[in-house]
N, C-alpha and C. Protein backbone atom coordinates (compact mmCIF):
# COMPACT_ATOMS: atom_id res chain seq x y z
N UNK A 1 -66.36 -24.00 -87.64
CA UNK A 1 -67.47 -23.76 -88.95
C UNK A 1 -66.57 -25.16 -89.57
N UNK A 2 -67.73 -25.73 -89.67
CA UNK A 2 -67.79 -27.30 -90.20
C UNK A 2 -67.30 -27.49 -91.30
N UNK A 3 -66.04 -28.65 -91.78
CA UNK A 3 -65.61 -27.93 -93.23
C UNK A 3 -66.73 -28.86 -94.08
N UNK A 4 -66.74 -28.09 -95.85
CA UNK A 4 -67.46 -28.39 -96.49
C UNK A 4 -66.75 -29.92 -97.62
N UNK A 5 -67.23 -30.40 -97.76
CA UNK A 5 -67.11 -31.74 -99.04
C UNK A 5 -66.44 -30.67 -100.50
N UNK A 6 -65.93 -30.95 -100.54
CA UNK A 6 -65.61 -30.47 -101.76
C UNK A 6 -63.94 -31.76 -102.65
N UNK A 7 -64.84 -31.70 -104.07
CA UNK A 7 -63.31 -31.83 -104.15
C UNK A 7 -61.75 -31.49 -104.45
N UNK A 8 -60.56 -32.23 -103.78
CA UNK A 8 -59.54 -31.58 -103.62
C UNK A 8 -58.78 -30.66 -105.01
N UNK A 9 -58.32 -30.26 -104.55
CA UNK A 9 -57.40 -29.69 -105.73
C UNK A 9 -55.78 -30.12 -106.24
N UNK A 10 -56.09 -30.82 -106.84
CA UNK A 10 -54.64 -31.69 -107.60
C UNK A 10 -54.09 -31.37 -107.34
N UNK A 11 -53.39 -29.86 -107.60
CA UNK A 11 -52.01 -28.95 -107.17
C UNK A 11 -52.48 -29.05 -105.88
N UNK A 12 -52.59 -29.60 -105.10
CA UNK A 12 -52.47 -28.49 -103.16
C UNK A 12 -51.36 -30.20 -103.46
N UNK A 13 -50.53 -29.45 -101.95
CA UNK A 13 -49.63 -30.44 -101.50
C UNK A 13 -49.83 -31.72 -101.18
N UNK A 14 -49.43 -32.69 -101.33
CA UNK A 14 -50.55 -33.97 -100.90
C UNK A 14 -50.49 -34.76 -101.82
N UNK A 15 -50.93 -34.46 -103.06
CA UNK A 15 -51.52 -35.06 -103.63
C UNK A 15 -50.43 -35.85 -105.00
N UNK A 16 -50.45 -36.66 -106.07
CA UNK A 16 -49.68 -36.84 -106.66
C UNK A 16 -50.58 -37.58 -108.06
N UNK A 17 -50.13 -37.40 -109.20
CA UNK A 17 -50.58 -37.41 -110.47
C UNK A 17 -49.53 -39.60 -110.91
N UNK A 18 -50.26 -40.56 -110.90
CA UNK A 18 -49.99 -41.37 -112.00
C UNK A 18 -50.39 -41.35 -112.90
N UNK A 19 -49.83 -41.73 -114.12
CA UNK A 19 -49.32 -41.87 -115.01
C UNK A 19 -50.59 -42.61 -115.76
N UNK A 20 -50.72 -44.07 -114.72
CA UNK A 20 -51.44 -45.33 -115.08
C UNK A 20 -51.71 -45.62 -113.68
N UNK A 21 -52.75 -46.26 -113.26
CA UNK A 21 -52.87 -47.22 -111.69
C UNK A 21 -52.03 -48.21 -111.84
N UNK A 22 -51.68 -48.24 -110.42
CA UNK A 22 -50.72 -49.90 -110.32
C UNK A 22 -50.55 -50.67 -110.69
N UNK A 23 -50.16 -51.55 -111.21
CA UNK A 23 -50.40 -52.88 -112.03
C UNK A 23 -51.54 -53.27 -111.52
N UNK A 24 -52.76 -54.00 -112.00
CA UNK A 24 -53.14 -55.05 -111.62
C UNK A 24 -52.94 -56.47 -111.57
N UNK A 25 -51.79 -56.84 -111.87
CA UNK A 25 -51.36 -58.45 -111.89
C UNK A 25 -51.73 -58.97 -110.61
N UNK A 26 -50.87 -58.99 -109.83
CA UNK A 26 -51.13 -59.21 -108.50
C UNK A 26 -52.19 -58.56 -108.02
N UNK A 27 -52.92 -59.99 -107.13
CA UNK A 27 -53.86 -60.17 -107.04
C UNK A 27 -53.69 -59.75 -105.07
N UNK A 28 -54.56 -58.63 -104.28
CA UNK A 28 -54.77 -58.45 -103.53
C UNK A 28 -55.90 -58.50 -102.12
N UNK A 29 -56.02 -58.15 -101.07
CA UNK A 29 -57.33 -59.11 -100.45
C UNK A 29 -58.61 -58.41 -100.92
N UNK A 30 -58.80 -57.20 -101.23
CA UNK A 30 -60.09 -56.64 -101.72
C UNK A 30 -60.34 -56.65 -102.84
N UNK A 31 -59.15 -57.31 -103.93
CA UNK A 31 -58.88 -57.00 -105.57
C UNK A 31 -58.02 -56.64 -106.19
N UNK A 32 -57.24 -56.49 -107.74
CA UNK A 32 -55.94 -56.27 -107.87
C UNK A 32 -56.01 -55.79 -107.50
N UNK A 33 -54.35 -55.74 -107.23
CA UNK A 33 -53.30 -54.38 -106.38
C UNK A 33 -53.64 -53.15 -106.95
N UNK A 34 -53.88 -52.00 -105.89
CA UNK A 34 -54.27 -50.83 -107.31
C UNK A 34 -55.95 -50.32 -107.04
N UNK A 35 -56.45 -50.38 -106.40
CA UNK A 35 -57.77 -50.68 -107.02
C UNK A 35 -58.05 -49.98 -106.45
N UNK A 36 -57.85 -49.46 -105.25
CA UNK A 36 -58.19 -47.91 -104.10
C UNK A 36 -57.67 -46.64 -104.95
N UNK A 37 -56.94 -47.21 -106.05
CA UNK A 37 -55.98 -45.74 -106.84
C UNK A 37 -57.31 -45.44 -108.13
N UNK A 38 -57.32 -46.83 -108.87
CA UNK A 38 -58.06 -47.25 -109.79
C UNK A 38 -59.74 -46.43 -109.45
N UNK A 39 -59.86 -46.94 -108.15
CA UNK A 39 -61.25 -46.26 -108.00
C UNK A 39 -61.68 -44.79 -107.27
N UNK A 40 -60.01 -44.31 -106.85
CA UNK A 40 -60.47 -42.89 -106.41
C UNK A 40 -60.74 -42.43 -105.36
N UNK A 41 -60.49 -43.10 -104.42
CA UNK A 41 -59.90 -43.47 -102.94
C UNK A 41 -59.41 -42.12 -102.60
N UNK A 42 -57.98 -42.54 -102.98
CA UNK A 42 -56.73 -41.81 -102.15
C UNK A 42 -58.04 -39.79 -102.51
N UNK A 43 -58.28 -40.04 -103.93
CA UNK A 43 -59.01 -38.23 -103.45
C UNK A 43 -60.23 -37.89 -103.16
N UNK A 44 -60.54 -39.02 -102.83
CA UNK A 44 -61.78 -38.23 -101.99
C UNK A 44 -61.39 -38.31 -100.34
N UNK A 45 -60.46 -39.01 -99.59
CA UNK A 45 -59.56 -39.08 -98.21
C UNK A 45 -58.92 -37.68 -98.44
N UNK A 46 -58.56 -37.41 -99.60
CA UNK A 46 -57.56 -36.17 -99.58
C UNK A 46 -57.81 -35.19 -98.55
N UNK A 47 -59.41 -34.64 -98.30
CA UNK A 47 -59.48 -33.59 -97.48
C UNK A 47 -59.39 -33.94 -95.91
N UNK A 48 -59.56 -34.95 -95.88
CA UNK A 48 -59.82 -35.54 -94.35
C UNK A 48 -58.21 -36.07 -93.74
N UNK A 49 -57.54 -36.29 -94.52
CA UNK A 49 -56.18 -36.37 -93.88
C UNK A 49 -55.07 -35.43 -93.31
N UNK A 50 -54.76 -35.69 -92.38
CA UNK A 50 -54.18 -34.55 -91.45
C UNK A 50 -53.47 -33.68 -92.64
N UNK A 51 -53.14 -32.17 -92.08
CA UNK A 51 -52.70 -31.60 -92.77
C UNK A 51 -50.87 -32.29 -92.75
N UNK A 52 -50.67 -32.28 -91.41
CA UNK A 52 -49.35 -32.66 -91.11
C UNK A 52 -48.33 -33.45 -91.55
N UNK A 53 -49.17 -34.26 -91.90
CA UNK A 53 -48.35 -35.76 -92.71
C UNK A 53 -49.08 -35.34 -94.35
N UNK A 54 -47.40 -35.73 -95.12
CA UNK A 54 -47.15 -36.12 -96.36
C UNK A 54 -47.71 -36.82 -96.66
N UNK A 55 -48.34 -37.39 -96.65
CA UNK A 55 -49.06 -39.02 -96.93
C UNK A 55 -49.37 -39.23 -98.97
N UNK A 56 -49.99 -37.91 -99.26
CA UNK A 56 -49.91 -38.23 -101.50
C UNK A 56 -49.30 -37.54 -101.53
N UNK A 57 -48.35 -37.92 -102.43
CA UNK A 57 -48.10 -37.31 -103.35
C UNK A 57 -48.19 -35.20 -104.14
N UNK A 58 -47.26 -34.87 -104.39
CA UNK A 58 -48.25 -33.67 -105.17
C UNK A 58 -48.48 -34.09 -106.83
N UNK A 59 -49.15 -33.21 -107.04
CA UNK A 59 -49.60 -33.03 -108.36
C UNK A 59 -49.93 -32.73 -108.72
N UNK A 60 -49.52 -32.50 -110.19
CA UNK A 60 -49.83 -31.62 -111.47
C UNK A 60 -50.88 -31.09 -111.94
N UNK A 61 -51.70 -29.74 -112.53
CA UNK A 61 -53.21 -29.74 -112.47
C UNK A 61 -53.71 -30.42 -113.53
N UNK A 62 -52.80 -31.51 -114.30
CA UNK A 62 -53.88 -32.49 -115.31
C UNK A 62 -53.00 -33.79 -114.44
N UNK A 63 -53.36 -33.47 -113.07
CA UNK A 63 -53.61 -35.09 -112.87
C UNK A 63 -54.82 -35.74 -112.37
N UNK A 64 -55.52 -36.76 -112.50
CA UNK A 64 -55.90 -37.67 -112.81
C UNK A 64 -56.50 -38.82 -111.56
N UNK A 65 -55.53 -40.20 -110.87
CA UNK A 65 -54.86 -40.62 -110.66
C UNK A 65 -54.26 -40.43 -109.15
N UNK A 66 -54.66 -40.08 -108.54
CA UNK A 66 -53.74 -39.92 -106.66
C UNK A 66 -53.45 -41.17 -106.59
N UNK A 67 -51.93 -41.13 -106.26
CA UNK A 67 -52.13 -42.70 -105.36
C UNK A 67 -50.95 -41.52 -103.77
N UNK A 68 -51.46 -43.24 -102.32
CA UNK A 68 -50.65 -42.40 -101.54
C UNK A 68 -48.86 -42.16 -101.82
N UNK A 69 -48.00 -41.29 -100.76
CA UNK A 69 -46.82 -41.43 -101.09
C UNK A 69 -46.15 -42.78 -99.88
N UNK A 70 -47.01 -42.98 -98.43
CA UNK A 70 -47.19 -44.18 -97.45
C UNK A 70 -47.91 -44.69 -97.92
N UNK A 71 -47.54 -46.80 -97.11
CA UNK A 71 -48.77 -47.40 -97.30
C UNK A 71 -49.96 -47.01 -96.58
N UNK A 72 -49.33 -46.17 -95.13
CA UNK A 72 -50.50 -46.14 -94.57
C UNK A 72 -51.41 -44.58 -94.45
N UNK A 73 -52.37 -44.47 -94.55
CA UNK A 73 -52.68 -42.69 -94.84
C UNK A 73 -53.77 -42.71 -93.66
N UNK A 74 -53.59 -41.95 -92.76
CA UNK A 74 -54.70 -41.86 -91.66
C UNK A 74 -56.25 -40.48 -91.89
N UNK A 75 -56.95 -41.33 -91.79
CA UNK A 75 -58.15 -39.47 -92.40
C UNK A 75 -58.67 -39.50 -90.75
N UNK A 76 -59.13 -38.42 -90.40
CA UNK A 76 -59.97 -38.06 -89.70
C UNK A 76 -61.35 -36.63 -90.04
N UNK A 77 -62.55 -37.03 -88.93
CA UNK A 77 -63.72 -37.04 -89.46
C UNK A 77 -64.26 -37.31 -90.89
N UNK A 78 -64.05 -37.70 -92.20
CA UNK A 78 -65.12 -38.18 -92.96
C UNK A 78 -66.27 -37.78 -93.23
N UNK A 79 -66.97 -37.04 -93.95
CA UNK A 79 -67.93 -35.89 -93.73
C UNK A 79 -69.22 -37.08 -94.64
N UNK A 80 -70.46 -36.39 -94.10
CA UNK A 80 -71.62 -37.75 -95.35
C UNK A 80 -70.95 -37.60 -96.82
N UNK A 81 -70.74 -36.20 -97.13
CA UNK A 81 -70.72 -35.98 -98.89
C UNK A 81 -69.83 -36.80 -99.24
N UNK A 82 -69.12 -37.59 -98.55
CA UNK A 82 -67.22 -38.69 -98.61
C UNK A 82 -67.88 -39.76 -98.69
N UNK A 83 -69.11 -39.99 -97.66
CA UNK A 83 -69.35 -41.87 -97.42
C UNK A 83 -69.94 -42.13 -98.29
N UNK A 84 -71.36 -41.05 -99.11
CA UNK A 84 -71.77 -41.61 -100.37
C UNK A 84 -71.18 -41.75 -101.76
N UNK A 85 -69.97 -41.16 -101.97
CA UNK A 85 -69.34 -41.06 -103.11
C UNK A 85 -68.09 -42.50 -102.31
N UNK A 86 -67.98 -42.80 -101.17
CA UNK A 86 -67.35 -43.84 -100.85
C UNK A 86 -68.07 -44.98 -101.43
N UNK A 87 -68.96 -45.07 -100.74
CA UNK A 87 -69.48 -46.40 -101.12
C UNK A 87 -70.07 -46.48 -102.00
N UNK A 88 -70.86 -45.14 -103.12
CA UNK A 88 -70.45 -45.61 -104.80
C UNK A 88 -68.91 -46.53 -105.88
N UNK A 89 -68.11 -46.51 -104.96
CA UNK A 89 -67.60 -46.41 -105.65
C UNK A 89 -66.63 -48.02 -105.40
N UNK A 90 -66.43 -48.44 -103.77
CA UNK A 90 -65.85 -49.81 -103.38
C UNK A 90 -67.01 -50.78 -103.86
N UNK A 91 -65.84 -51.43 -103.92
CA UNK A 91 -66.31 -52.86 -104.16
C UNK A 91 -66.53 -53.78 -103.42
N UNK A 92 -67.96 -54.67 -103.24
CA UNK A 92 -68.64 -54.60 -102.34
C UNK A 92 -68.08 -56.06 -100.91
N UNK A 93 -66.75 -56.55 -101.65
CA UNK A 93 -66.19 -57.08 -100.70
C UNK A 93 -65.47 -56.22 -100.08
N UNK A 94 -64.60 -55.20 -99.84
CA UNK A 94 -64.24 -54.10 -99.42
C UNK A 94 -65.04 -53.73 -98.04
N UNK A 95 -66.44 -53.18 -98.98
CA UNK A 95 -67.37 -52.91 -97.73
C UNK A 95 -67.56 -53.81 -96.23
N UNK A 96 -66.99 -54.84 -96.53
CA UNK A 96 -67.39 -56.30 -95.10
C UNK A 96 -66.30 -55.80 -94.85
N UNK A 97 -65.24 -54.81 -95.05
CA UNK A 97 -63.76 -55.36 -93.48
C UNK A 97 -64.01 -54.81 -92.71
N UNK A 98 -63.78 -54.55 -91.04
CA UNK A 98 -63.92 -54.43 -89.82
C UNK A 98 -62.03 -54.22 -88.95
N UNK A 99 -62.04 -53.07 -88.33
CA UNK A 99 -61.17 -53.42 -87.25
C UNK A 99 -61.94 -54.41 -86.40
N UNK A 100 -60.63 -55.34 -86.25
CA UNK A 100 -61.05 -56.34 -85.81
C UNK A 100 -62.56 -56.40 -84.90
N UNK A 101 -63.17 -55.63 -84.35
CA UNK A 101 -64.54 -56.33 -83.97
C UNK A 101 -65.70 -54.66 -84.05
N UNK A 102 -65.18 -54.31 -84.75
CA UNK A 102 -66.17 -52.65 -84.93
C UNK A 102 -66.97 -53.44 -86.29
N UNK A 103 -67.59 -51.89 -86.24
CA UNK A 103 -68.88 -52.85 -87.31
C UNK A 103 -67.96 -52.66 -88.44
N UNK A 104 -68.71 -53.49 -89.52
CA UNK A 104 -68.11 -53.02 -91.59
C UNK A 104 -68.04 -51.84 -91.53
N UNK A 105 -67.59 -51.35 -92.30
CA UNK A 105 -67.41 -50.43 -93.34
C UNK A 105 -67.91 -50.39 -93.65
N UNK A 106 -69.06 -51.38 -94.57
CA UNK A 106 -70.26 -50.45 -95.34
C UNK A 106 -70.95 -50.03 -94.19
N UNK A 107 -70.90 -50.40 -92.84
CA UNK A 107 -72.71 -50.54 -92.30
C UNK A 107 -72.46 -49.06 -91.29
N UNK A 108 -70.81 -48.60 -91.07
CA UNK A 108 -70.57 -47.54 -90.57
C UNK A 108 -70.76 -46.37 -92.51
N UNK A 109 -70.86 -46.69 -93.26
CA UNK A 109 -70.11 -45.83 -94.10
C UNK A 109 -71.74 -45.57 -94.65
N UNK A 110 -72.46 -46.18 -94.76
CA UNK A 110 -73.90 -46.18 -94.61
C UNK A 110 -75.01 -45.55 -93.52
N UNK A 111 -74.05 -44.94 -92.05
CA UNK A 111 -74.18 -44.73 -90.89
C UNK A 111 -74.23 -43.02 -91.18
N UNK A 112 -73.32 -42.22 -91.48
CA UNK A 112 -72.73 -41.74 -92.07
C UNK A 112 -73.47 -41.00 -93.30
N UNK A 113 -72.67 -41.74 -94.24
CA UNK A 113 -74.46 -41.00 -94.99
C UNK A 113 -75.44 -40.69 -94.93
N UNK A 114 -76.10 -41.35 -94.23
CA UNK A 114 -77.72 -41.45 -93.85
C UNK A 114 -77.83 -40.23 -92.58
N UNK A 115 -76.38 -39.25 -91.72
CA UNK A 115 -76.63 -38.59 -90.40
C UNK A 115 -76.89 -37.13 -90.78
N UNK A 116 -76.06 -36.44 -92.49
CA UNK A 116 -76.37 -35.19 -92.95
C UNK A 116 -75.70 -34.63 -91.46
N UNK A 117 -74.41 -34.53 -91.30
CA UNK A 117 -73.33 -34.64 -90.82
C UNK A 117 -73.36 -35.08 -88.68
N UNK A 118 -73.92 -35.16 -88.69
CA UNK A 118 -73.56 -35.68 -87.04
C UNK A 118 -73.16 -37.45 -86.79
N UNK A 119 -72.92 -37.64 -87.95
CA UNK A 119 -71.91 -39.28 -87.45
C UNK A 119 -70.78 -38.07 -88.27
N UNK A 120 -69.56 -38.55 -88.93
CA UNK A 120 -68.49 -39.28 -89.47
C UNK A 120 -67.09 -40.07 -88.45
N UNK A 121 -66.43 -40.39 -89.01
CA UNK A 121 -65.51 -41.05 -89.27
C UNK A 121 -64.01 -40.94 -89.01
N UNK A 122 -63.59 -41.55 -88.74
CA UNK A 122 -62.04 -41.88 -88.59
C UNK A 122 -61.32 -42.74 -88.61
N UNK A 123 -60.37 -43.58 -89.56
CA UNK A 123 -59.79 -44.52 -89.85
C UNK A 123 -58.26 -44.09 -90.16
N UNK A 124 -57.41 -45.31 -90.93
CA UNK A 124 -57.04 -45.30 -92.67
C UNK A 124 -57.21 -46.40 -93.39
N UNK A 125 -56.03 -46.07 -94.41
CA UNK A 125 -56.10 -46.75 -95.98
C UNK A 125 -55.38 -46.94 -95.45
N UNK A 126 -54.62 -47.96 -96.86
CA UNK A 126 -53.91 -49.01 -97.27
C UNK A 126 -53.57 -49.02 -97.78
N UNK A 127 -51.89 -48.57 -98.97
CA UNK A 127 -52.37 -48.72 -100.09
C UNK A 127 -51.88 -49.37 -100.63
N UNK A 128 -52.00 -49.33 -102.39
CA UNK A 128 -51.37 -50.40 -102.80
C UNK A 128 -49.98 -51.30 -102.82
N UNK A 129 -48.83 -50.70 -101.62
CA UNK A 129 -47.49 -51.31 -101.53
C UNK A 129 -47.99 -52.51 -100.83
N UNK A 130 -49.22 -52.59 -100.35
CA UNK A 130 -49.18 -53.78 -99.57
C UNK A 130 -50.30 -55.00 -99.98
N UNK A 131 -50.50 -55.62 -99.61
CA UNK A 131 -51.52 -56.68 -100.26
C UNK A 131 -52.36 -56.23 -99.45
N UNK A 132 -52.69 -56.37 -98.05
CA UNK A 132 -53.90 -55.44 -97.56
C UNK A 132 -54.16 -55.05 -97.64
N UNK A 133 -54.25 -54.09 -99.12
CA UNK A 133 -54.67 -52.79 -99.66
C UNK A 133 -56.07 -52.60 -99.05
N UNK A 134 -56.32 -51.45 -98.32
CA UNK A 134 -57.75 -51.43 -97.49
C UNK A 134 -58.40 -50.25 -97.42
N UNK A 135 -59.57 -49.85 -97.13
CA UNK A 135 -59.99 -48.96 -96.20
C UNK A 135 -60.23 -49.27 -95.16
N UNK A 136 -60.08 -48.75 -93.79
CA UNK A 136 -60.45 -49.00 -92.71
C UNK A 136 -61.35 -48.34 -91.91
N UNK A 137 -61.91 -47.98 -90.95
CA UNK A 137 -63.02 -47.38 -90.17
C UNK A 137 -62.52 -47.25 -88.40
N UNK A 138 -61.36 -46.97 -87.69
CA UNK A 138 -61.92 -47.83 -86.39
C UNK A 138 -61.98 -46.69 -85.05
N UNK A 139 -63.05 -45.58 -85.94
CA UNK A 139 -63.60 -44.91 -84.80
C UNK A 139 -64.72 -43.95 -85.62
N UNK A 140 -65.91 -43.88 -84.93
CA UNK A 140 -67.34 -42.97 -85.62
C UNK A 140 -67.25 -42.23 -84.21
N UNK A 141 -67.32 -40.66 -84.73
CA UNK A 141 -67.90 -39.71 -83.98
C UNK A 141 -69.72 -39.44 -84.03
N UNK A 142 -70.25 -39.39 -83.50
CA UNK A 142 -72.02 -39.67 -83.19
C UNK A 142 -72.06 -37.97 -82.81
N UNK A 143 -72.82 -36.88 -83.19
CA UNK A 143 -72.60 -35.58 -82.44
C UNK A 143 -74.30 -35.34 -82.11
N UNK A 144 -75.40 -36.56 -81.57
CA UNK A 144 -76.74 -36.43 -81.92
C UNK A 144 -76.52 -35.66 -80.71
N UNK A 145 -77.54 -34.34 -80.30
CA UNK A 145 -77.07 -33.65 -79.61
C UNK A 145 -78.09 -34.55 -77.99
N UNK A 146 -79.47 -35.83 -78.60
CA UNK A 146 -80.10 -36.70 -77.41
C UNK A 146 -79.02 -37.52 -76.51
N UNK A 147 -78.00 -37.60 -76.86
CA UNK A 147 -76.79 -38.36 -76.70
C UNK A 147 -76.52 -38.09 -75.63
N UNK A 148 -76.31 -36.10 -75.59
CA UNK A 148 -75.29 -36.20 -74.36
C UNK A 148 -75.80 -36.17 -72.89
N UNK A 149 -77.11 -36.48 -72.77
CA UNK A 149 -76.90 -36.88 -71.51
C UNK A 149 -76.27 -37.95 -70.73
N UNK A 150 -76.11 -38.87 -71.49
CA UNK A 150 -74.91 -40.35 -71.29
C UNK A 150 -74.50 -39.64 -70.17
N UNK A 151 -73.79 -40.34 -68.50
CA UNK A 151 -72.67 -40.60 -68.67
C UNK A 151 -71.37 -41.38 -68.50
N UNK A 152 -70.38 -41.24 -69.40
CA UNK A 152 -69.35 -42.16 -69.40
C UNK A 152 -67.76 -41.24 -68.45
N UNK A 153 -67.51 -42.32 -67.60
CA UNK A 153 -66.63 -42.63 -66.63
C UNK A 153 -65.68 -43.44 -67.68
N UNK A 154 -63.94 -42.38 -67.60
CA UNK A 154 -63.36 -43.12 -68.50
C UNK A 154 -63.01 -44.27 -67.65
N UNK A 155 -62.92 -44.80 -66.06
CA UNK A 155 -62.64 -45.58 -65.75
C UNK A 155 -63.78 -46.90 -65.19
N UNK A 156 -65.04 -46.14 -66.49
CA UNK A 156 -66.17 -47.42 -65.95
C UNK A 156 -66.32 -47.53 -65.02
N UNK A 157 -66.55 -46.84 -63.99
CA UNK A 157 -66.70 -47.48 -62.55
C UNK A 157 -68.18 -47.52 -62.60
N UNK A 158 -68.72 -47.11 -61.77
CA UNK A 158 -70.30 -47.40 -61.21
C UNK A 158 -71.17 -46.38 -61.48
N UNK A 159 -72.06 -46.36 -62.27
CA UNK A 159 -72.78 -45.47 -63.45
C UNK A 159 -72.31 -45.28 -64.49
N UNK A 160 -71.30 -45.19 -64.69
CA UNK A 160 -70.67 -45.50 -66.33
C UNK A 160 -71.85 -46.24 -67.19
N UNK A 161 -72.35 -44.85 -68.56
CA UNK A 161 -73.50 -45.58 -69.03
C UNK A 161 -73.00 -45.91 -70.39
N UNK A 162 -71.25 -45.92 -70.58
CA UNK A 162 -71.43 -46.04 -71.44
C UNK A 162 -71.50 -47.82 -72.52
N UNK A 163 -71.50 -48.39 -71.40
CA UNK A 163 -72.49 -49.66 -72.66
C UNK A 163 -73.93 -49.33 -73.46
N UNK A 164 -74.77 -49.00 -72.30
CA UNK A 164 -76.20 -48.03 -73.00
C UNK A 164 -76.07 -46.63 -73.95
N UNK A 165 -74.72 -46.15 -73.51
CA UNK A 165 -74.52 -44.76 -75.17
C UNK A 165 -74.57 -45.91 -76.56
N UNK A 166 -73.80 -46.73 -75.94
CA UNK A 166 -73.18 -48.20 -77.53
C UNK A 166 -74.20 -48.72 -77.93
N UNK A 167 -75.22 -49.10 -76.51
CA UNK A 167 -76.32 -49.43 -77.88
C UNK A 167 -77.56 -48.74 -78.64
N UNK A 168 -77.56 -47.81 -77.85
CA UNK A 168 -78.35 -46.36 -78.27
C UNK A 168 -77.56 -46.03 -79.52
N UNK A 169 -76.41 -45.72 -80.06
CA UNK A 169 -76.52 -45.36 -81.29
C UNK A 169 -75.97 -46.71 -82.08
N UNK A 170 -75.56 -47.88 -82.02
CA UNK A 170 -75.36 -49.21 -82.57
C UNK A 170 -77.12 -49.26 -82.99
N UNK A 171 -78.18 -49.53 -81.95
CA UNK A 171 -79.64 -49.45 -82.37
C UNK A 171 -80.36 -48.34 -83.43
N UNK A 172 -79.27 -46.86 -83.59
CA UNK A 172 -80.19 -45.71 -84.04
C UNK A 172 -79.09 -45.78 -85.79
N UNK A 173 -78.17 -45.84 -85.27
CA UNK A 173 -77.21 -46.57 -87.04
C UNK A 173 -77.21 -47.98 -87.74
N UNK A 174 -78.21 -48.73 -87.13
CA UNK A 174 -77.80 -50.53 -87.25
C UNK A 174 -76.17 -50.55 -87.66
N UNK A 175 -75.13 -50.72 -86.69
CA UNK A 175 -73.44 -50.94 -86.55
C UNK A 175 -73.80 -51.82 -86.23
N UNK A 176 -73.10 -52.42 -86.45
CA UNK A 176 -72.89 -54.84 -86.70
C UNK A 176 -71.75 -54.89 -86.47
N UNK A 177 -71.14 -53.73 -85.48
CA UNK A 177 -70.58 -54.20 -84.49
C UNK A 177 -70.12 -56.32 -83.62
N UNK A 178 -69.28 -56.59 -83.59
CA UNK A 178 -69.12 -57.68 -82.71
C UNK A 178 -68.72 -57.81 -80.94
N UNK A 179 -67.71 -56.82 -80.92
CA UNK A 179 -68.47 -56.16 -79.59
C UNK A 179 -68.58 -54.45 -80.08
N UNK A 180 -68.20 -53.96 -78.02
CA UNK A 180 -68.78 -52.43 -78.24
C UNK A 180 -67.14 -52.31 -77.87
N UNK A 181 -67.15 -50.53 -77.93
CA UNK A 181 -65.70 -50.42 -78.44
C UNK A 181 -65.30 -49.64 -77.47
N UNK A 182 -63.89 -49.74 -77.87
CA UNK A 182 -62.75 -50.57 -76.70
C UNK A 182 -62.82 -49.18 -75.81
N UNK A 183 -63.05 -47.79 -76.03
CA UNK A 183 -62.82 -46.20 -75.88
C UNK A 183 -64.20 -45.87 -76.02
N UNK A 184 -64.47 -44.54 -75.25
CA UNK A 184 -66.04 -44.20 -75.58
C UNK A 184 -65.35 -43.05 -74.84
N UNK A 185 -65.38 -41.10 -75.63
CA UNK A 185 -64.77 -40.22 -75.08
C UNK A 185 -65.95 -39.06 -75.37
N UNK A 186 -66.04 -38.22 -75.06
CA UNK A 186 -66.65 -37.08 -75.29
C UNK A 186 -66.05 -35.77 -75.46
N UNK A 187 -65.86 -35.27 -76.43
CA UNK A 187 -64.76 -35.18 -77.33
C UNK A 187 -65.43 -33.49 -78.67
N UNK A 188 -64.68 -33.08 -78.66
CA UNK A 188 -65.19 -31.27 -79.26
C UNK A 188 -64.52 -30.89 -80.78
N UNK A 189 -64.30 -32.30 -81.26
CA UNK A 189 -62.71 -31.86 -82.63
C UNK A 189 -62.96 -30.52 -83.78
N UNK A 190 -62.44 -30.46 -83.77
CA UNK A 190 -62.17 -28.91 -85.15
C UNK A 190 -62.68 -29.41 -86.11
N UNK A 191 -62.89 -31.05 -86.54
CA UNK A 191 -63.49 -31.08 -88.05
C UNK A 191 -64.50 -30.59 -88.24
N UNK A 192 -65.02 -30.77 -86.79
CA UNK A 192 -66.97 -30.46 -86.59
C UNK A 192 -67.13 -29.46 -86.48
N UNK A 193 -66.28 -28.77 -86.51
CA UNK A 193 -66.99 -26.75 -85.57
C UNK A 193 -66.93 -26.64 -84.99
N UNK A 194 -65.92 -27.36 -84.19
CA UNK A 194 -66.31 -27.22 -82.81
C UNK A 194 -67.22 -28.54 -81.22
N UNK A 195 -68.43 -28.68 -82.64
CA UNK A 195 -69.38 -29.01 -81.83
C UNK A 195 -68.96 -30.03 -81.19
N UNK A 196 -70.05 -31.12 -80.31
CA UNK A 196 -69.94 -31.95 -78.59
C UNK A 196 -70.41 -33.12 -79.42
N UNK A 197 -69.62 -34.35 -79.54
CA UNK A 197 -70.29 -35.19 -79.65
C UNK A 197 -69.28 -36.51 -78.79
N UNK A 198 -69.82 -38.09 -79.08
CA UNK A 198 -69.47 -38.79 -78.55
C UNK A 198 -68.17 -39.68 -79.93
N UNK A 199 -67.33 -39.72 -79.10
CA UNK A 199 -65.88 -40.65 -80.26
C UNK A 199 -65.89 -41.81 -79.23
N UNK A 200 -66.47 -42.97 -80.37
CA UNK A 200 -66.12 -44.00 -79.63
C UNK A 200 -65.34 -45.21 -80.85
N UNK A 201 -63.94 -45.49 -80.08
CA UNK A 201 -63.15 -46.11 -80.98
C UNK A 201 -63.21 -47.39 -80.49
N UNK A 202 -62.14 -47.94 -81.48
CA UNK A 202 -61.91 -49.34 -81.52
C UNK A 202 -60.70 -49.67 -81.70
N UNK A 203 -59.99 -50.72 -81.35
CA UNK A 203 -58.60 -50.72 -81.20
C UNK A 203 -57.90 -51.72 -82.28
């Protein structure tokens, strides 16, 4: 069953309340330090952080601000509703972020937001503990059934259609990558309800 988007219960393990956001005196990569906390980024990411990681502090019932316990927080399978909310709260400068030569964060969130569940995103958040505080996407999962017939060889031998597959995805979702993905795999992730799709990952 595909997880539905919902606001995480602030009493759940992994969340923490802050009396106030981190000091905004110091400037980070995309804004004053703590901007991800003040924008509510970590609350939105919470449902997509692997449960095996205790990356976000525990919060009391009255929690209104959530921050990461660690400076690196991975997320997997971020959905359409979350992508739309992130597009509404992230500053423009942050949307220009890209994982090396991957598509920009803004393009990936827009693709996910418009795809009604057939595009999901995975990556990581960097917390206010670091100057390069940000949200980055390193992999996109595409579950469009008409792409299932592409043949991809992990060794990229003769007949491998990974380039054609990537070009089809990039055109369809207007992805502005500077280069194709470093890895293309057919997967059935749990967070997609076991549906089959293509995982495109950038190093």
